Structure formats: structure tokens, C-alpha cells
PDB file of N, CA and C in Angstrom:
ATOM      1  N   UNK A   1       2.069 -49.808  12.675  1.00  0.00           N
ATOM      2  CA  UNK A   1       2.772 -50.580  11.666  1.00  0.00           C
ATOM      3  C   UNK A   1       3.707 -51.613  12.313  1.00  0.00           C
ATOM      4  N   UNK A   2       4.383 -51.202  13.404  1.00  0.00           N
ATOM      5  CA  UNK A   2       5.259 -52.138  14.098  1.00  0.00           C
ATOM      6  C   UNK A   2       4.473 -53.325  14.638  1.00  0.00           C
ATOM      7  N   UNK A   3       3.316 -53.054  15.155  1.00  0.00           N
ATOM      8  CA  UNK A   3       2.481 -54.113  15.718  1.00  0.00           C
ATOM      9  C   UNK A   3       2.095 -55.120  14.631  1.00  0.00           C
ATOM     10  N   UNK A   4       1.842 -54.631  13.438  1.00  0.00           N
ATOM     11  CA  UNK A   4       1.492 -55.512  12.315  1.00  0.00           C
ATOM     12  C   UNK A   4       2.657 -56.437  11.987  1.00  0.00           C
ATOM     13  N   UNK A   5       3.878 -55.915  11.972  1.00  0.00           N
ATOM     14  CA  UNK A   5       5.050 -56.735  11.678  1.00  0.00           C
ATOM     15  C   UNK A   5       5.246 -57.818  12.743  1.00  0.00           C
ATOM     16  N   UNK A   6       5.092 -57.447  14.002  1.00  0.00           N
ATOM     17  CA  UNK A   6       5.251 -58.421  15.080  1.00  0.00           C
ATOM     18  C   UNK A   6       4.152 -59.483  14.999  1.00  0.00           C
ATOM     19  N   UNK A   7       2.927 -59.065  14.700  1.00  0.00           N
ATOM     20  CA  UNK A   7       1.816 -60.009  14.561  1.00  0.00           C
ATOM     21  C   UNK A   7       2.068 -60.970  13.417  1.00  0.00           C
ATOM     22  N   UNK A   8       2.511 -60.462  12.281  1.00  0.00           N
ATOM     23  CA  UNK A   8       2.799 -61.332  11.143  1.00  0.00           C
ATOM     24  C   UNK A   8       3.934 -62.304  11.457  1.00  0.00           C
ATOM     25  N   UNK A   9       4.935 -61.832  12.183  1.00  0.00           N
ATOM     26  CA  UNK A   9       6.033 -62.712  12.577  1.00  0.00           C
ATOM     27  C   UNK A   9       5.527 -63.838  13.472  1.00  0.00           C
ATOM     28  N   UNK A  10       4.687 -63.518  14.448  1.00  0.00           N
ATOM     29  CA  UNK A  10       4.144 -64.552  15.334  1.00  0.00           C
ATOM     30  C   UNK A  10       3.282 -65.543  14.569  1.00  0.00           C
ATOM     31  N   UNK A  11       2.471 -65.041  13.636  1.00  0.00           N
ATOM     32  CA  UNK A  11       1.655 -65.954  12.826  1.00  0.00           C
ATOM     33  C   UNK A  11       2.532 -66.878  11.991  1.00  0.00           C
ATOM     34  N   UNK A  12       3.608 -66.344  11.455  1.00  0.00           N
ATOM     35  CA  UNK A  12       4.527 -67.168  10.663  1.00  0.00           C
ATOM     36  C   UNK A  12       5.160 -68.259  11.517  1.00  0.00           C
ATOM     37  N   UNK A  13       5.539 -67.917  12.750  1.00  0.00           N
ATOM     38  CA  UNK A  13       6.184 -68.885  13.628  1.00  0.00           C
ATOM     39  C   UNK A  13       5.206 -69.912  14.192  1.00  0.00           C
ATOM     40  N   UNK A  14       3.971 -69.502  14.431  1.00  0.00           N
ATOM     41  CA  UNK A  14       3.011 -70.403  15.049  1.00  0.00           C
ATOM     42  C   UNK A  14       2.140 -71.151  14.046  1.00  0.00           C
ATOM     43  N   UNK A  15       2.083 -70.689  12.812  1.00  0.00           N
ATOM     44  CA  UNK A  15       1.191 -71.294  11.821  1.00  0.00           C
ATOM     45  C   UNK A  15       1.410 -72.784  11.617  1.00  0.00           C
ATOM     46  N   UNK A  16       2.638 -73.282  11.506  1.00  0.00           N
ATOM     47  CA  UNK A  16       2.795 -74.724  11.288  1.00  0.00           C
ATOM     48  C   UNK A  16       2.183 -75.575  12.398  1.00  0.00           C
ATOM     49  N   UNK A  17       2.300 -75.143  13.628  1.00  0.00           N
ATOM     50  CA  UNK A  17       1.753 -75.946  14.716  1.00  0.00           C
ATOM     51  C   UNK A  17       0.238 -75.824  14.816  1.00  0.00           C
ATOM     52  N   UNK A  18      -0.346 -74.759  14.273  1.00  0.00           N
ATOM     53  CA  UNK A  18      -1.787 -74.577  14.312  1.00  0.00           C
ATOM     54  C   UNK A  18      -2.458 -75.325  13.164  1.00  0.00           C
ATOM     55  N   UNK A  19      -1.807 -75.391  12.011  1.00  0.00           N
ATOM     56  CA  UNK A  19      -2.404 -75.991  10.820  1.00  0.00           C
ATOM     57  C   UNK A  19      -2.644 -77.489  10.947  1.00  0.00           C
ATOM     58  N   UNK A  20      -1.745 -78.205  11.572  1.00  0.00           N
ATOM     59  CA  UNK A  20      -1.900 -79.657  11.645  1.00  0.00           C
ATOM     60  C   UNK A  20      -1.546 -80.140  13.041  1.00  0.00           C
ATOM     61  N   UNK A  21      -1.969 -81.359  13.336  1.00  0.00           N
ATOM     62  CA  UNK A  21      -1.732 -81.914  14.660  1.00  0.00           C
ATOM     63  C   UNK A  21      -0.396 -82.644  14.736  1.00  0.00           C
ATOM     64  N   UNK A  22       0.129 -83.084  13.613  1.00  0.00           N
ATOM     65  CA  UNK A  22       1.369 -83.854  13.626  1.00  0.00           C
ATOM     66  C   UNK A  22       2.581 -82.928  13.681  1.00  0.00           C
ATOM     67  N   UNK A  23       3.563 -83.333  14.477  1.00  0.00           N
ATOM     68  CA  UNK A  23       4.805 -82.567  14.578  1.00  0.00           C
ATOM     69  C   UNK A  23       5.695 -82.835  13.377  1.00  0.00           C
ATOM     70  N   UNK A  24       6.503 -81.870  13.067  1.00  0.00           N
ATOM     71  CA  UNK A  24       7.551 -82.054  12.069  1.00  0.00           C
ATOM     72  C   UNK A  24       8.876 -82.029  12.819  1.00  0.00           C
ATOM     73  N   UNK A  25       9.708 -83.008  12.522  1.00  0.00           N
ATOM     74  CA  UNK A  25      10.970 -83.158  13.241  1.00  0.00           C
ATOM     75  C   UNK A  25      12.100 -83.417  12.258  1.00  0.00           C
ATOM     76  N   UNK A  26      13.307 -83.312  12.762  1.00  0.00           N
ATOM     77  CA  UNK A  26      14.467 -83.715  11.984  1.00  0.00           C
ATOM     78  C   UNK A  26      14.749 -85.182  12.274  1.00  0.00           C
ATOM     79  N   UNK A  27      15.211 -85.903  11.256  1.00  0.00           N
ATOM     80  CA  UNK A  27      15.570 -87.302  11.405  1.00  0.00           C
ATOM     81  C   UNK A  27      17.020 -87.488  10.982  1.00  0.00           C
ATOM     82  N   UNK A  28      17.769 -88.194  11.797  1.00  0.00           N
ATOM     83  CA  UNK A  28      19.084 -88.726  11.416  1.00  0.00           C
ATOM     84  C   UNK A  28      19.147 -90.120  12.001  1.00  0.00           C
ATOM     85  N   UNK A  29      19.715 -91.059  11.290  1.00  0.00           N
ATOM     86  CA  UNK A  29      19.819 -92.407  11.852  1.00  0.00           C
ATOM     87  C   UNK A  29      20.787 -92.411  13.027  1.00  0.00           C
ATOM     88  N   UNK A  30      20.629 -93.398  13.898  1.00  0.00           N
ATOM     89  CA  UNK A  30      21.564 -93.527  15.006  1.00  0.00           C
ATOM     90  C   UNK A  30      22.912 -93.938  14.423  1.00  0.00           C
ATOM     91  N   UNK A  31      23.901 -93.088  14.641  1.00  0.00           N
ATOM     92  CA  UNK A  31      25.231 -93.304  14.071  1.00  0.00           C
ATOM     93  C   UNK A  31      26.272 -92.657  14.972  1.00  0.00           C
ATOM     94  N   UNK A  32      27.526 -92.833  14.618  1.00  0.00           N
ATOM     95  CA  UNK A  32      28.616 -92.248  15.399  1.00  0.00           C
ATOM     96  C   UNK A  32      28.491 -90.725  15.410  1.00  0.00           C
ATOM     97  N   UNK A  33      28.707 -90.150  16.580  1.00  0.00           N
ATOM     98  CA  UNK A  33      28.507 -88.720  16.771  1.00  0.00           C
ATOM     99  C   UNK A  33      29.418 -87.880  15.878  1.00  0.00           C
ATOM    100  N   UNK A  34      30.661 -88.288  15.696  1.00  0.00           N
ATOM    101  CA  UNK A  34      31.599 -87.472  14.928  1.00  0.00           C
ATOM    102  C   UNK A  34      31.332 -87.519  13.423  1.00  0.00           C
ATOM    103  N   UNK A  35      30.514 -88.440  12.948  1.00  0.00           N
ATOM    104  CA  UNK A  35      30.184 -88.499  11.524  1.00  0.00           C
ATOM    105  C   UNK A  35      29.062 -87.516  11.215  1.00  0.00           C
ATOM    106  N   UNK A  36      29.239 -86.772  10.147  1.00  0.00           N
ATOM    107  CA  UNK A  36      28.235 -85.778   9.770  1.00  0.00           C
ATOM    108  C   UNK A  36      27.084 -86.448   9.035  1.00  0.00           C
ATOM    109  N   UNK A  37      25.897 -86.276   9.558  1.00  0.00           N
ATOM    110  CA  UNK A  37      24.679 -86.747   8.906  1.00  0.00           C
ATOM    111  C   UNK A  37      23.822 -85.547   8.543  1.00  0.00           C
ATOM    112  N   UNK A  38      23.300 -85.535   7.349  1.00  0.00           N
ATOM    113  CA  UNK A  38      22.384 -84.469   6.965  1.00  0.00           C
ATOM    114  C   UNK A  38      21.039 -84.706   7.633  1.00  0.00           C
ATOM    115  N   UNK A  39      20.432 -83.627   8.102  1.00  0.00           N
ATOM    116  CA  UNK A  39      19.109 -83.735   8.702  1.00  0.00           C
ATOM    117  C   UNK A  39      18.082 -83.941   7.596  1.00  0.00           C
ATOM    118  N   UNK A  40      17.163 -84.841   7.822  1.00  0.00           N
ATOM    119  CA  UNK A  40      16.045 -85.061   6.918  1.00  0.00           C
ATOM    120  C   UNK A  40      14.792 -84.603   7.662  1.00  0.00           C
ATOM    121  N   UNK A  41      13.983 -83.809   6.994  1.00  0.00           N
ATOM    122  CA  UNK A  41      12.742 -83.354   7.622  1.00  0.00           C
ATOM    123  C   UNK A  41      11.708 -84.466   7.498  1.00  0.00           C
ATOM    124  N   UNK A  42      10.991 -84.709   8.586  1.00  0.00           N
ATOM    125  CA  UNK A  42       9.986 -85.768   8.589  1.00  0.00           C
ATOM    126  C   UNK A  42       8.776 -85.306   9.387  1.00  0.00           C
ATOM    127  N   UNK A  43       7.654 -85.922   9.113  1.00  0.00           N
ATOM    128  CA  UNK A  43       6.436 -85.634   9.871  1.00  0.00           C
ATOM    129  C   UNK A  43       6.126 -86.845  10.736  1.00  0.00           C
ATOM    130  N   UNK A  44       5.933 -86.589  12.024  1.00  0.00           N
ATOM    131  CA  UNK A  44       5.675 -87.683  12.960  1.00  0.00           C
ATOM    132  C   UNK A  44       4.235 -88.161  12.846  1.00  0.00           C
ATOM    133  N   UNK A  45       4.015 -89.449  13.095  1.00  0.00           N
ATOM    134  CA  UNK A  45       2.642 -89.947  13.191  1.00  0.00           C
ATOM    135  C   UNK A  45       1.935 -89.313  14.393  1.00  0.00           C
ATOM    136  N   UNK A  46       0.619 -89.397  14.449  1.00  0.00           N
ATOM    137  CA  UNK A  46      -0.099 -88.865  15.622  1.00  0.00           C
ATOM    138  C   UNK A  46       0.417 -89.513  16.905  1.00  0.00           C
ATOM    139  N   UNK A  47       0.384 -88.771  17.987  1.00  0.00           N
ATOM    140  CA  UNK A  47       0.810 -89.226  19.318  1.00  0.00           C
ATOM    141  C   UNK A  47       2.306 -89.490  19.418  1.00  0.00           C
ATOM    142  N   UNK A  48       3.098 -88.956  18.503  1.00  0.00           N
ATOM    143  CA  UNK A  48       4.548 -89.046  18.622  1.00  0.00           C
ATOM    144  C   UNK A  48       5.129 -87.645  18.719  1.00  0.00           C
ATOM    145  N   UNK A  49       6.297 -87.550  19.335  1.00  0.00           N
ATOM    146  CA  UNK A  49       6.987 -86.280  19.537  1.00  0.00           C
ATOM    147  C   UNK A  49       8.398 -86.385  18.958  1.00  0.00           C
ATOM    148  N   UNK A  50       9.075 -85.264  18.872  1.00  0.00           N
ATOM    149  CA  UNK A  50      10.448 -85.241  18.385  1.00  0.00           C
ATOM    150  C   UNK A  50      11.384 -85.723  19.499  1.00  0.00           C
ATOM    151  N   UNK A  51      12.473 -86.359  19.115  1.00  0.00           N
ATOM    152  CA  UNK A  51      13.461 -86.769  20.103  1.00  0.00           C
ATOM    153  C   UNK A  51      14.866 -86.536  19.577  1.00  0.00           C
ATOM    154  N   UNK A  52      15.779 -86.431  20.541  1.00  0.00           N
ATOM    155  CA  UNK A  52      17.205 -86.462  20.261  1.00  0.00           C
ATOM    156  C   UNK A  52      17.787 -87.510  21.187  1.00  0.00           C
ATOM    157  N   UNK A  53      18.518 -88.467  20.636  1.00  0.00           N
ATOM    158  CA  UNK A  53      19.093 -89.545  21.426  1.00  0.00           C
ATOM    159  C   UNK A  53      20.607 -89.399  21.483  1.00  0.00           C
ATOM    160  N   UNK A  54      21.150 -89.709  22.637  1.00  0.00           N
ATOM    161  CA  UNK A  54      22.599 -89.722  22.839  1.00  0.00           C
ATOM    162  C   UNK A  54      22.971 -91.097  23.351  1.00  0.00           C
ATOM    163  N   UNK A  55      23.976 -91.702  22.727  1.00  0.00           N
ATOM    164  CA  UNK A  55      24.475 -93.001  23.162  1.00  0.00           C
ATOM    165  C   UNK A  55      25.803 -92.845  23.873  1.00  0.00           C
ATOM    166  N   UNK A  56      25.869 -93.325  25.097  1.00  0.00           N
ATOM    167  CA  UNK A  56      27.091 -93.196  25.903  1.00  0.00           C
ATOM    168  C   UNK A  56      27.690 -94.567  26.193  1.00  0.00           C
ATOM    169  N   UNK A  57      28.989 -94.585  26.137  1.00  0.00           N
ATOM    170  CA  UNK A  57      29.776 -95.743  26.551  1.00  0.00           C
ATOM    171  C   UNK A  57      30.664 -95.234  27.670  1.00  0.00           C
ATOM    172  N   UNK A  58      30.235 -95.454  28.910  1.00  0.00           N
ATOM    173  CA  UNK A  58      30.901 -94.808  30.037  1.00  0.00           C
ATOM    174  C   UNK A  58      30.576 -93.322  29.993  1.00  0.00           C
ATOM    175  N   UNK A  59      31.603 -92.480  29.991  1.00  0.00           N
ATOM    176  CA  UNK A  59      31.392 -91.034  29.889  1.00  0.00           C
ATOM    177  C   UNK A  59      31.539 -90.533  28.456  1.00  0.00           C
ATOM    178  N   UNK A  60      31.875 -91.413  27.552  1.00  0.00           N
ATOM    179  CA  UNK A  60      32.095 -91.068  26.150  1.00  0.00           C
ATOM    180  C   UNK A  60      30.773 -91.042  25.389  1.00  0.00           C
ATOM    181  N   UNK A  61      30.464 -89.922  24.733  1.00  0.00           N
ATOM    182  CA  UNK A  61      29.272 -89.827  23.885  1.00  0.00           C
ATOM    183  C   UNK A  61      29.656 -90.268  22.487  1.00  0.00           C
ATOM    184  N   UNK A  62      29.266 -91.473  22.127  1.00  0.00           N
ATOM    185  CA  UNK A  62      29.692 -92.031  20.858  1.00  0.00           C
ATOM    186  C   UNK A  62      28.640 -92.070  19.779  1.00  0.00           C
ATOM    187  N   UNK A  63      27.361 -92.052  20.149  1.00  0.00           N
ATOM    188  CA  UNK A  63      26.283 -92.157  19.173  1.00  0.00           C
ATOM    189  C   UNK A  63      25.278 -91.032  19.360  1.00  0.00           C
ATOM    190  N   UNK A  64      24.592 -90.700  18.272  1.00  0.00           N
ATOM    191  CA  UNK A  64      23.492 -89.743  18.361  1.00  0.00           C
ATOM    192  C   UNK A  64      22.502 -90.038  17.252  1.00  0.00           C
ATOM    193  N   UNK A  65      21.288 -89.584  17.438  1.00  0.00           N
ATOM    194  CA  UNK A  65      20.240 -89.750  16.442  1.00  0.00           C
ATOM    195  C   UNK A  65      19.074 -88.842  16.768  1.00  0.00           C
ATOM    196  N   UNK A  66      18.222 -88.620  15.787  1.00  0.00           N
ATOM    197  CA  UNK A  66      17.037 -87.767  15.950  1.00  0.00           C
ATOM    198  C   UNK A  66      15.876 -88.402  15.205  1.00  0.00           C
ATOM    199  N   UNK A  67      14.670 -88.003  15.581  1.00  0.00           N
ATOM    200  CA  UNK A  67      13.509 -88.506  14.870  1.00  0.00           C
ATOM    201  C   UNK A  67      12.243 -88.349  15.681  1.00  0.00           C
ATOM    202  N   UNK A  68      11.298 -89.268  15.458  1.00  0.00           N
ATOM    203  CA  UNK A  68      10.012 -89.274  16.141  1.00  0.00           C
ATOM    204  C   UNK A  68       9.953 -90.473  17.084  1.00  0.00           C
ATOM    205  N   UNK A  69       9.224 -90.305  18.172  1.00  0.00           N
ATOM    206  CA  UNK A  69       9.146 -91.347  19.187  1.00  0.00           C
ATOM    207  C   UNK A  69       7.804 -91.226  19.900  1.00  0.00           C
ATOM    208  N   UNK A  70       7.234 -92.352  20.307  1.00  0.00           N
ATOM    209  CA  UNK A  70       6.003 -92.322  21.100  1.00  0.00           C
ATOM    210  C   UNK A  70       6.264 -91.557  22.391  1.00  0.00           C
ATOM    211  N   UNK A  71       5.346 -90.685  22.737  1.00  0.00           N
ATOM    212  CA  UNK A  71       5.532 -89.829  23.913  1.00  0.00           C
ATOM    213  C   UNK A  71       5.769 -90.642  25.185  1.00  0.00           C
ATOM    214  N   UNK A  72       5.180 -91.818  25.285  1.00  0.00           N
ATOM    215  CA  UNK A  72       5.336 -92.638  26.494  1.00  0.00           C
ATOM    216  C   UNK A  72       6.761 -93.163  26.654  1.00  0.00           C
ATOM    217  N   UNK A  73       7.547 -93.176  25.578  1.00  0.00           N
ATOM    218  CA  UNK A  73       8.917 -93.693  25.632  1.00  0.00           C
ATOM    219  C   UNK A  73       9.966 -92.623  25.911  1.00  0.00           C
ATOM    220  N   UNK A  74       9.539 -91.393  26.076  1.00  0.00           N
ATOM    221  CA  UNK A  74      10.485 -90.297  26.334  1.00  0.00           C
ATOM    222  C   UNK A  74      11.136 -90.454  27.699  1.00  0.00           C
ATOM    223  N   UNK A  75      12.382 -90.025  27.787  1.00  0.00           N
ATOM    224  CA  UNK A  75      13.109 -90.040  29.049  1.00  0.00           C
ATOM    225  C   UNK A  75      13.684 -91.389  29.430  1.00  0.00           C
ATOM    226  N   UNK A  76      13.457 -92.385  28.647  1.00  0.00           N
ATOM    227  CA  UNK A  76      13.955 -93.716  28.994  1.00  0.00           C
ATOM    228  C   UNK A  76      15.408 -93.885  28.565  1.00  0.00           C
ATOM    229  N   UNK A  77      16.028 -94.912  29.082  1.00  0.00           N
ATOM    230  CA  UNK A  77      17.383 -95.279  28.677  1.00  0.00           C
ATOM    231  C   UNK A  77      17.356 -96.745  28.258  1.00  0.00           C
ATOM    232  N   UNK A  78      17.885 -97.034  27.082  1.00  0.00           N
ATOM    233  CA  UNK A  78      17.921 -98.392  26.545  1.00  0.00           C
ATOM    234  C   UNK A  78      19.349 -98.776  26.188  1.00  0.00           C
ATOM    235  N   UNK A  79      19.617-100.058  26.208  1.00  0.00           N
ATOM    236  CA  UNK A  79      20.910-100.565  25.754  1.00  0.00           C
ATOM    237  C   UNK A  79      20.838-100.727  24.234  1.00  0.00           C
ATOM    238  N   UNK A  80      21.874-100.304  23.549  1.00  0.00           N
ATOM    239  CA  UNK A  80      21.911-100.344  22.097  1.00  0.00           C
ATOM    240  C   UNK A  80      23.284-100.837  21.669  1.00  0.00           C
ATOM    241  N   UNK A  81      23.317-101.900  20.915  1.00  0.00           N
ATOM    242  CA  UNK A  81      24.593-102.462  20.482  1.00  0.00           C
ATOM    243  C   UNK A  81      24.928-101.935  19.090  1.00  0.00           C
ATOM    244  N   UNK A  82      26.134-101.382  18.959  1.00  0.00           N
ATOM    245  CA  UNK A  82      26.583-100.800  17.694  1.00  0.00           C
ATOM    246  C   UNK A  82      28.033-101.226  17.464  1.00  0.00           C
ATOM    247  N   UNK A  83      28.262-101.974  16.410  1.00  0.00           N
ATOM    248  CA  UNK A  83      29.590-102.467  16.063  1.00  0.00           C
ATOM    249  C   UNK A  83      30.275-103.183  17.221  1.00  0.00           C
ATOM    250  N   UNK A  84      29.510-104.017  17.916  1.00  0.00           N
ATOM    251  CA  UNK A  84      30.060-104.829  18.992  1.00  0.00           C
ATOM    252  C   UNK A  84      30.197-104.135  20.330  1.00  0.00           C
ATOM    253  N   UNK A  85      29.862-102.850  20.404  1.00  0.00           N
ATOM    254  CA  UNK A  85      29.965-102.096  21.657  1.00  0.00           C
ATOM    255  C   UNK A  85      28.554-101.780  22.144  1.00  0.00           C
ATOM    256  N   UNK A  86      28.309-101.970  23.431  1.00  0.00           N
ATOM    257  CA  UNK A  86      26.989-101.688  23.983  1.00  0.00           C
ATOM    258  C   UNK A  86      26.964-100.282  24.580  1.00  0.00           C
ATOM    259  N   UNK A  87      26.066 -99.468  24.052  1.00  0.00           N
ATOM    260  CA  UNK A  87      25.888 -98.083  24.477  1.00  0.00           C
ATOM    261  C   UNK A  87      24.592 -97.963  25.272  1.00  0.00           C
ATOM    262  N   UNK A  88      24.549 -96.977  26.148  1.00  0.00           N
ATOM    263  CA  UNK A  88      23.311 -96.624  26.830  1.00  0.00           C
ATOM    264  C   UNK A  88      22.721 -95.424  26.088  1.00  0.00           C
ATOM    265  N   UNK A  89      21.586 -95.645  25.448  1.00  0.00           N
ATOM    266  CA  UNK A  89      20.916 -94.586  24.688  1.00  0.00           C
ATOM    267  C   UNK A  89      19.876 -93.919  25.570  1.00  0.00           C
ATOM    268  N   UNK A  90      19.944 -92.590  25.668  1.00  0.00           N
ATOM    269  CA  UNK A  90      18.929 -91.817  26.376  1.00  0.00           C
ATOM    270  C   UNK A  90      18.164 -90.997  25.349  1.00  0.00           C
ATOM    271  N   UNK A  91      16.862 -90.899  25.536  1.00  0.00           N
ATOM    272  CA  UNK A  91      15.979 -90.233  24.580  1.00  0.00           C
ATOM    273  C   UNK A  91      15.338 -89.023  25.243  1.00  0.00           C
ATOM    274  N   UNK A  92      15.705 -87.830  24.782  1.00  0.00           N
ATOM    275  CA  UNK A  92      15.117 -86.582  25.275  1.00  0.00           C
ATOM    276  C   UNK A  92      14.130 -86.084  24.228  1.00  0.00           C
ATOM    277  N   UNK A  93      12.929 -85.751  24.676  1.00  0.00           N
ATOM    278  CA  UNK A  93      11.855 -85.372  23.755  1.00  0.00           C
ATOM    279  C   UNK A  93      11.470 -83.912  23.905  1.00  0.00           C
ATOM    280  N   UNK A  94      10.834 -83.406  22.864  1.00  0.00           N
ATOM    281  CA  UNK A  94      10.283 -82.059  22.863  1.00  0.00           C
ATOM    282  C   UNK A  94       9.037 -82.072  21.992  1.00  0.00           C
ATOM    283  N   UNK A  95       8.182 -81.067  22.162  1.00  0.00           N
ATOM    284  CA  UNK A  95       6.858 -81.136  21.547  1.00  0.00           C
ATOM    285  C   UNK A  95       6.515 -79.940  20.669  1.00  0.00           C
ATOM    286  N   UNK A  96       7.448 -79.433  19.889  1.00  0.00           N
ATOM    287  CA  UNK A  96       7.119 -78.426  18.890  1.00  0.00           C
ATOM    288  C   UNK A  96       7.952 -78.728  17.661  1.00  0.00           C
ATOM    289  N   UNK A  97       7.497 -78.243  16.538  1.00  0.00           N
ATOM    290  CA  UNK A  97       8.127 -78.603  15.272  1.00  0.00           C
ATOM    291  C   UNK A  97       9.600 -78.216  15.212  1.00  0.00           C
ATOM    292  N   UNK A  98      10.410 -79.158  14.764  1.00  0.00           N
ATOM    293  CA  UNK A  98      11.851 -79.009  14.565  1.00  0.00           C
ATOM    294  C   UNK A  98      12.606 -78.646  15.841  1.00  0.00           C
ATOM    295  N   UNK A  99      12.069 -79.033  16.977  1.00  0.00           N
ATOM    296  CA  UNK A  99      12.715 -78.717  18.252  1.00  0.00           C
ATOM    297  C   UNK A  99      13.935 -79.587  18.523  1.00  0.00           C
ATOM    298  N   UNK A 100      14.156 -80.633  17.733  1.00  0.00           N
ATOM    299  CA  UNK A 100      15.313 -81.511  17.952  1.00  0.00           C
ATOM    300  C   UNK A 100      16.473 -81.160  17.030  1.00  0.00           C
ATOM    301  N   UNK A 101      16.542 -79.890  16.644  1.00  0.00           N
ATOM    302  CA  UNK A 101      17.582 -79.480  15.698  1.00  0.00           C
ATOM    303  C   UNK A 101      18.970 -79.482  16.314  1.00  0.00           C
ATOM    304  N   UNK A 102      19.114 -78.914  17.504  1.00  0.00           N
ATOM    305  CA  UNK A 102      20.428 -78.887  18.139  1.00  0.00           C
ATOM    306  C   UNK A 102      20.247 -78.695  19.633  1.00  0.00           C
ATOM    307  N   UNK A 103      21.320 -78.803  20.363  1.00  0.00           N
ATOM    308  CA  UNK A 103      21.251 -78.733  21.828  1.00  0.00           C
ATOM    309  C   UNK A 103      21.081 -77.302  22.305  1.00  0.00           C
ATOM    310  N   UNK A 104      21.881 -76.374  21.787  1.00  0.00           N
ATOM    311  CA  UNK A 104      21.937 -75.034  22.349  1.00  0.00           C
ATOM    312  C   UNK A 104      20.830 -74.100  21.921  1.00  0.00           C
ATOM    313  N   UNK A 105      20.298 -74.275  20.737  1.00  0.00           N
ATOM    314  CA  UNK A 105      19.317 -73.337  20.212  1.00  0.00           C
ATOM    315  C   UNK A 105      18.055 -74.099  19.882  1.00  0.00           C
ATOM    316  N   UNK A 106      17.037 -73.934  20.705  1.00  0.00           N
ATOM    317  CA  UNK A 106      15.763 -74.605  20.456  1.00  0.00           C
ATOM    318  C   UNK A 106      14.824 -73.645  19.746  1.00  0.00           C
ATOM    319  N   UNK A 107      13.714 -74.161  19.291  1.00  0.00           N
ATOM    320  CA  UNK A 107      12.741 -73.319  18.599  1.00  0.00           C
ATOM    321  C   UNK A 107      12.238 -72.210  19.504  1.00  0.00           C
ATOM    322  N   UNK A 108      12.084 -72.492  20.800  1.00  0.00           N
ATOM    323  CA  UNK A 108      11.603 -71.476  21.732  1.00  0.00           C
ATOM    324  C   UNK A 108      12.574 -70.320  21.883  1.00  0.00           C
ATOM    325  N   UNK A 109      13.845 -70.605  22.085  1.00  0.00           N
ATOM    326  CA  UNK A 109      14.823 -69.531  22.235  1.00  0.00           C
ATOM    327  C   UNK A 109      15.029 -68.802  20.918  1.00  0.00           C
ATOM    328  N   UNK A 110      14.956 -69.525  19.805  1.00  0.00           N
ATOM    329  CA  UNK A 110      15.090 -68.875  18.503  1.00  0.00           C
ATOM    330  C   UNK A 110      13.929 -67.925  18.252  1.00  0.00           C
ATOM    331  N   UNK A 111      12.718 -68.324  18.609  1.00  0.00           N
ATOM    332  CA  UNK A 111      11.544 -67.465  18.426  1.00  0.00           C
ATOM    333  C   UNK A 111      11.674 -66.193  19.244  1.00  0.00           C
ATOM    334  N   UNK A 112      12.115 -66.334  20.475  1.00  0.00           N
ATOM    335  CA  UNK A 112      12.291 -65.160  21.330  1.00  0.00           C
ATOM    336  C   UNK A 112      13.348 -64.236  20.744  1.00  0.00           C
ATOM    337  N   UNK A 113      14.459 -64.808  20.298  1.00  0.00           N
ATOM    338  CA  UNK A 113      15.512 -64.006  19.688  1.00  0.00           C
ATOM    339  C   UNK A 113      14.987 -63.263  18.462  1.00  0.00           C
ATOM    340  N   UNK A 114      14.226 -63.952  17.626  1.00  0.00           N
ATOM    341  CA  UNK A 114      13.710 -63.350  16.399  1.00  0.00           C
ATOM    342  C   UNK A 114      12.748 -62.213  16.694  1.00  0.00           C
ATOM    343  N   UNK A 115      11.890 -62.377  17.681  1.00  0.00           N
ATOM    344  CA  UNK A 115      10.946 -61.319  18.056  1.00  0.00           C
ATOM    345  C   UNK A 115      11.699 -60.120  18.606  1.00  0.00           C
ATOM    346  N   UNK A 116      12.680 -60.352  19.481  1.00  0.00           N
ATOM    347  CA  UNK A 116      13.453 -59.235  20.032  1.00  0.00           C
ATOM    348  C   UNK A 116      14.225 -58.502  18.939  1.00  0.00           C
ATOM    349  N   UNK A 117      14.785 -59.259  18.003  1.00  0.00           N
ATOM    350  CA  UNK A 117      15.493 -58.636  16.891  1.00  0.00           C
ATOM    351  C   UNK A 117      14.544 -57.794  16.047  1.00  0.00           C
ATOM    352  N   UNK A 118      13.349 -58.298  15.788  1.00  0.00           N
ATOM    353  CA  UNK A 118      12.362 -57.557  15.009  1.00  0.00           C
ATOM    354  C   UNK A 118      11.967 -56.277  15.731  1.00  0.00           C
ATOM    355  N   UNK A 119      11.717 -56.379  17.016  1.00  0.00           N
ATOM    356  CA  UNK A 119      11.363 -55.184  17.783  1.00  0.00           C
ATOM    357  C   UNK A 119      12.494 -54.162  17.762  1.00  0.00           C
ATOM    358  N   UNK A 120      13.718 -54.638  17.890  1.00  0.00           N
ATOM    359  CA  UNK A 120      14.866 -53.729  17.864  1.00  0.00           C
ATOM    360  C   UNK A 120      14.980 -53.026  16.514  1.00  0.00           C
ATOM    361  N   UNK A 121      14.803 -53.770  15.438  1.00  0.00           N
ATOM    362  CA  UNK A 121      14.931 -53.193  14.084  1.00  0.00           C
ATOM    363  C   UNK A 121      13.854 -52.153  13.834  1.00  0.00           C
ATOM    364  N   UNK A 122      12.617 -52.474  14.202  1.00  0.00           N
ATOM    365  CA  UNK A 122      11.514 -51.556  13.904  1.00  0.00           C
ATOM    366  C   UNK A 122      11.408 -50.408  14.883  1.00  0.00           C
ATOM    367  N   UNK A 123      12.069 -50.501  16.027  1.00  0.00           N
ATOM    368  CA  UNK A 123      12.085 -49.387  16.980  1.00  0.00           C
ATOM    369  C   UNK A 123      13.259 -48.462  16.750  1.00  0.00           C
ATOM    370  N   UNK A 124      14.233 -48.909  15.949  1.00  0.00           N
ATOM    371  CA  UNK A 124      15.421 -48.084  15.711  1.00  0.00           C
ATOM    372  C   UNK A 124      15.161 -46.980  14.724  1.00  0.00           C
TER     373      UNK A 124
END
């Protein structure tokens, strides 16, 4: 019975990536980091991946954004002008659904945590 629960959990976590080829990502417009933006769920076009961008002015992180980006553009740094200030935007990419949600908790670590929690609950 425990094995069935773990199998169903894995199918639930992996099903979105198996059903379709396009990634689903969170989108927020590039804006000031301290301003709260609600995440909008979006589906990327084919050959695009999720990204999280950080805009720096010196050592100050002033801008951030999320969305979809062509895989070939990942890891690059571009100059971006916002309200008269030029920021250096860096784009970090990931390749699983909703992986650009936050810095500390990615879909991979969340999946591992969820499986371990399930095993702990059903073994107790």
C-alpha cells in the first residue's frame, strides 16, 4: 500500500512534464525588486525555458523578473535601462515546470521533500 502512495505521488509530480512538451513557468514583469508582483502562470512556446532575471546596479539588486526565454539566451547578461538607471540583467534558466518560483526552493528540492515526508508519514 505504501508503494502505491509513493507511485501515485511521483505520477502526480511528473505528469505535467510528461503530458506536454511546453514548460509552464511563472511570469512577472521586470520591475523593482521590493515591489510585490503577483506571479502569473504561463505556458512557454516550444524551445523556450523558464528564467529568473536579476538586475544589478553595482552590488545593489534593484530589479527582478520571471518568464520564458529562448534556451540559447540563458546565462547572458544584458544592459537594461529602467527609470533612467542602467542595470545589468542576468538571466538564469531552468527546465522544469514552475522552476522559477523562488531562489531557495526549487521544484527538485520540493519534490524530494514531499517524497521524504510521504515516506515518513506512511512508515510511522
